Amino acid sequence: MTYKTATNLAIFPKNSEKDILECAEILGFDLKQKFAFIPNPNSKKKDAKHPFHSPITVKEALEYFIDFKGPIRKKTL
């Protein structure tokens, strides 16, 4: 059997409570607020999946799905 990796793997660290609280304070986020991703009806990718469950709290998103310490990619800037 041959295995070839895909380009859709993402590994996110667990951020510290201190970093989460600091980010939320700077950006004015309510950590208990929930949000959900809604598919764009105009998107050509009808089967696109989100990298995490939805709805999700702001705290969960900041804690598990955002890399505060990693290098920023040129594309992101």
N, C-alpha and C. Protein backbone atom coordinates (compact mmCIF):
# COMPACT_ATOMS: atom_id res chain seq x y z
N MET A 1 0.85 -1.17 0.00
CA MET A 1 0.00 0.00 0.00
C MET A 1 0.90 1.24 0.00
N THR A 2 0.55 2.20 -0.79
CA THR A 2 1.28 3.47 -0.85
C THR A 2 0.41 4.57 -0.28
N TYR A 3 1.03 5.44 0.50
CA TYR A 3 0.29 6.54 1.11
C TYR A 3 0.92 7.85 0.68
N LYS A 4 0.12 8.77 0.22
CA LYS A 4 0.59 10.10 -0.17
C LYS A 4 -0.18 11.12 0.66
N THR A 5 0.55 12.04 1.29
CA THR A 5 -0.10 13.02 2.15
C THR A 5 -0.88 14.04 1.32
N ALA A 6 -1.88 14.59 1.94
CA ALA A 6 -2.68 15.65 1.33
C ALA A 6 -2.18 17.00 1.82
N THR A 7 -2.73 18.06 1.27
CA THR A 7 -2.32 19.40 1.69
C THR A 7 -3.31 20.01 2.68
N ASN A 8 -4.11 19.18 3.31
CA ASN A 8 -5.16 19.70 4.17
C ASN A 8 -4.96 19.36 5.64
N LEU A 9 -3.73 19.10 6.05
CA LEU A 9 -3.46 18.79 7.44
C LEU A 9 -3.08 20.06 8.19
N ALA A 10 -3.72 20.28 9.32
CA ALA A 10 -3.39 21.43 10.16
C ALA A 10 -3.25 20.95 11.60
N ILE A 11 -2.18 21.37 12.24
CA ILE A 11 -1.96 21.02 13.63
C ILE A 11 -1.90 22.33 14.42
N PHE A 12 -2.80 22.47 15.36
CA PHE A 12 -2.87 23.68 16.15
C PHE A 12 -2.47 23.40 17.59
N PRO A 13 -1.68 24.27 18.20
CA PRO A 13 -1.29 24.07 19.59
C PRO A 13 -2.42 24.51 20.52
N LYS A 14 -2.33 24.12 21.77
CA LYS A 14 -3.26 24.63 22.77
C LYS A 14 -2.60 25.86 23.37
N ASN A 15 -3.26 27.00 23.25
CA ASN A 15 -2.72 28.25 23.76
C ASN A 15 -2.94 28.38 25.26
N SER A 16 -2.09 29.13 25.90
CA SER A 16 -2.18 29.31 27.35
C SER A 16 -3.35 30.22 27.72
N GLU A 17 -3.84 30.04 28.92
CA GLU A 17 -4.94 30.87 29.44
C GLU A 17 -4.55 32.35 29.42
N LYS A 18 -3.32 32.62 29.77
CA LYS A 18 -2.81 34.01 29.79
C LYS A 18 -2.90 34.63 28.40
N ASP A 19 -2.44 33.90 27.37
CA ASP A 19 -2.49 34.42 26.01
C ASP A 19 -3.92 34.61 25.52
N ILE A 20 -4.80 33.67 25.89
CA ILE A 20 -6.20 33.76 25.48
C ILE A 20 -6.85 35.00 26.08
N LEU A 21 -6.64 35.21 27.37
CA LEU A 21 -7.22 36.37 28.06
C LEU A 21 -6.67 37.68 27.50
N GLU A 22 -5.37 37.72 27.22
CA GLU A 22 -4.76 38.93 26.67
C GLU A 22 -5.31 39.24 25.28
N CYS A 23 -5.43 38.24 24.45
CA CYS A 23 -5.97 38.43 23.10
C CYS A 23 -7.42 38.92 23.17
N ALA A 24 -8.23 38.27 24.00
CA ALA A 24 -9.63 38.64 24.13
C ALA A 24 -9.78 40.07 24.63
N GLU A 25 -8.93 40.46 25.57
CA GLU A 25 -9.00 41.83 26.10
C GLU A 25 -8.62 42.85 25.04
N ILE A 26 -7.54 42.60 24.31
CA ILE A 26 -7.09 43.54 23.27
C ILE A 26 -8.14 43.70 22.18
N LEU A 27 -8.75 42.60 21.78
CA LEU A 27 -9.71 42.64 20.68
C LEU A 27 -11.16 42.87 21.13
N GLY A 28 -11.38 42.91 22.45
CA GLY A 28 -12.72 43.16 22.97
C GLY A 28 -13.67 41.98 22.77
N PHE A 29 -13.14 40.76 22.82
CA PHE A 29 -13.96 39.56 22.63
C PHE A 29 -14.59 39.11 23.94
N ASP A 30 -15.80 38.59 23.86
CA ASP A 30 -16.46 37.92 24.97
C ASP A 30 -16.18 36.44 24.81
N LEU A 31 -15.41 35.86 25.71
CA LEU A 31 -14.98 34.47 25.58
C LEU A 31 -16.13 33.47 25.62
N LYS A 32 -17.26 33.85 26.18
CA LYS A 32 -18.41 32.94 26.26
C LYS A 32 -19.30 33.02 25.02
N GLN A 33 -19.08 34.02 24.18
CA GLN A 33 -19.89 34.20 22.97
C GLN A 33 -19.69 33.03 22.03
N LYS A 34 -20.78 32.54 21.47
CA LYS A 34 -20.70 31.45 20.49
C LYS A 34 -20.88 32.02 19.10
N PHE A 35 -20.25 31.37 18.14
CA PHE A 35 -20.44 31.75 16.75
C PHE A 35 -20.49 30.49 15.90
N ALA A 36 -21.02 30.63 14.72
CA ALA A 36 -21.14 29.50 13.80
C ALA A 36 -20.73 29.95 12.41
N PHE A 37 -20.18 29.02 11.66
CA PHE A 37 -19.87 29.28 10.27
C PHE A 37 -21.07 28.88 9.43
N ILE A 38 -21.44 29.76 8.53
CA ILE A 38 -22.56 29.50 7.65
C ILE A 38 -22.01 29.41 6.22
N PRO A 39 -22.29 28.33 5.52
CA PRO A 39 -21.76 28.20 4.16
C PRO A 39 -22.21 29.35 3.26
N ASN A 40 -21.30 29.82 2.43
CA ASN A 40 -21.61 30.87 1.47
C ASN A 40 -22.46 30.26 0.35
N PRO A 41 -23.67 30.76 0.14
CA PRO A 41 -24.54 30.18 -0.89
C PRO A 41 -23.97 30.37 -2.30
N ASN A 42 -23.06 31.31 -2.50
CA ASN A 42 -22.48 31.58 -3.81
C ASN A 42 -21.19 30.80 -4.06
N SER A 43 -20.74 30.05 -3.06
CA SER A 43 -19.49 29.31 -3.19
C SER A 43 -19.64 28.15 -4.16
N LYS A 44 -18.58 27.92 -4.93
CA LYS A 44 -18.57 26.79 -5.85
C LYS A 44 -18.22 25.50 -5.12
N LYS A 45 -17.66 25.62 -3.92
CA LYS A 45 -17.29 24.46 -3.12
C LYS A 45 -18.44 24.13 -2.16
N LYS A 46 -19.41 23.43 -2.64
CA LYS A 46 -20.60 23.11 -1.84
C LYS A 46 -20.31 22.15 -0.70
N ASP A 47 -19.26 21.36 -0.83
CA ASP A 47 -18.96 20.36 0.19
C ASP A 47 -17.81 20.78 1.11
N ALA A 48 -17.45 22.07 1.13
CA ALA A 48 -16.35 22.54 1.97
C ALA A 48 -16.67 22.29 3.44
N LYS A 49 -15.66 21.84 4.17
CA LYS A 49 -15.84 21.54 5.59
C LYS A 49 -15.04 22.51 6.43
N HIS A 50 -15.50 22.75 7.64
CA HIS A 50 -14.81 23.62 8.57
C HIS A 50 -13.83 22.80 9.40
N PRO A 51 -12.73 23.43 9.85
CA PRO A 51 -11.72 22.67 10.59
C PRO A 51 -12.12 22.33 12.02
N PHE A 52 -13.28 22.80 12.48
CA PHE A 52 -13.74 22.49 13.84
C PHE A 52 -15.25 22.52 13.89
N HIS A 53 -15.78 22.02 15.00
CA HIS A 53 -17.24 21.95 15.14
C HIS A 53 -17.85 23.36 15.18
N SER A 54 -19.10 23.46 14.88
CA SER A 54 -19.78 24.74 14.84
C SER A 54 -21.21 24.53 15.31
N PRO A 55 -21.72 25.34 16.24
CA PRO A 55 -21.14 26.55 16.82
C PRO A 55 -20.03 26.23 17.82
N ILE A 56 -19.22 27.24 18.07
CA ILE A 56 -18.07 27.12 18.96
C ILE A 56 -17.94 28.43 19.74
N THR A 57 -17.41 28.35 20.97
CA THR A 57 -17.21 29.57 21.73
C THR A 57 -15.93 30.26 21.27
N VAL A 58 -15.87 31.56 21.50
CA VAL A 58 -14.67 32.32 21.19
C VAL A 58 -13.48 31.75 21.96
N LYS A 59 -13.70 31.36 23.22
CA LYS A 59 -12.61 30.80 24.03
C LYS A 59 -12.08 29.51 23.41
N GLU A 60 -12.96 28.63 22.97
CA GLU A 60 -12.53 27.38 22.34
C GLU A 60 -11.73 27.65 21.06
N ALA A 61 -12.19 28.60 20.27
CA ALA A 61 -11.49 28.93 19.03
C ALA A 61 -10.10 29.48 19.33
N LEU A 62 -10.00 30.40 20.30
CA LEU A 62 -8.70 30.97 20.65
C LEU A 62 -7.78 29.95 21.32
N GLU A 63 -8.35 29.05 22.07
CA GLU A 63 -7.55 28.08 22.82
C GLU A 63 -6.98 26.98 21.91
N TYR A 64 -7.79 26.46 21.01
CA TYR A 64 -7.39 25.27 20.27
C TYR A 64 -7.13 25.46 18.77
N PHE A 65 -7.62 26.52 18.16
CA PHE A 65 -7.59 26.60 16.70
C PHE A 65 -6.86 27.80 16.12
N ILE A 66 -6.15 28.55 16.94
CA ILE A 66 -5.37 29.69 16.48
C ILE A 66 -3.97 29.58 17.06
N ASP A 67 -2.97 29.73 16.20
CA ASP A 67 -1.59 29.63 16.65
C ASP A 67 -1.05 31.03 16.94
N PHE A 68 -0.96 31.38 18.22
CA PHE A 68 -0.46 32.70 18.62
C PHE A 68 1.05 32.82 18.47
N LYS A 69 1.76 31.73 18.52
CA LYS A 69 3.22 31.76 18.60
C LYS A 69 3.94 31.42 17.30
N GLY A 70 3.25 30.86 16.35
CA GLY A 70 3.90 30.42 15.12
C GLY A 70 4.18 31.57 14.17
N PRO A 71 5.04 31.32 13.19
CA PRO A 71 5.35 32.36 12.19
C PRO A 71 4.13 32.66 11.32
N ILE A 72 3.98 33.90 10.94
CA ILE A 72 2.86 34.30 10.10
C ILE A 72 3.27 34.11 8.64
N ARG A 73 2.38 33.58 7.84
CA ARG A 73 2.69 33.34 6.43
C ARG A 73 2.48 34.61 5.62
N LYS A 74 3.23 34.73 4.56
CA LYS A 74 3.13 35.88 3.68
C LYS A 74 1.70 36.02 3.14
N LYS A 75 1.08 34.88 2.80
CA LYS A 75 -0.28 34.88 2.27
C LYS A 75 -1.27 35.46 3.27
N THR A 76 -1.05 35.18 4.56
CA THR A 76 -1.94 35.68 5.61
C THR A 76 -1.84 37.20 5.73
N LEU A 77 -0.63 37.72 5.60
CA LEU A 77 -0.44 39.17 5.68
C LEU A 77 -1.13 39.85 4.54
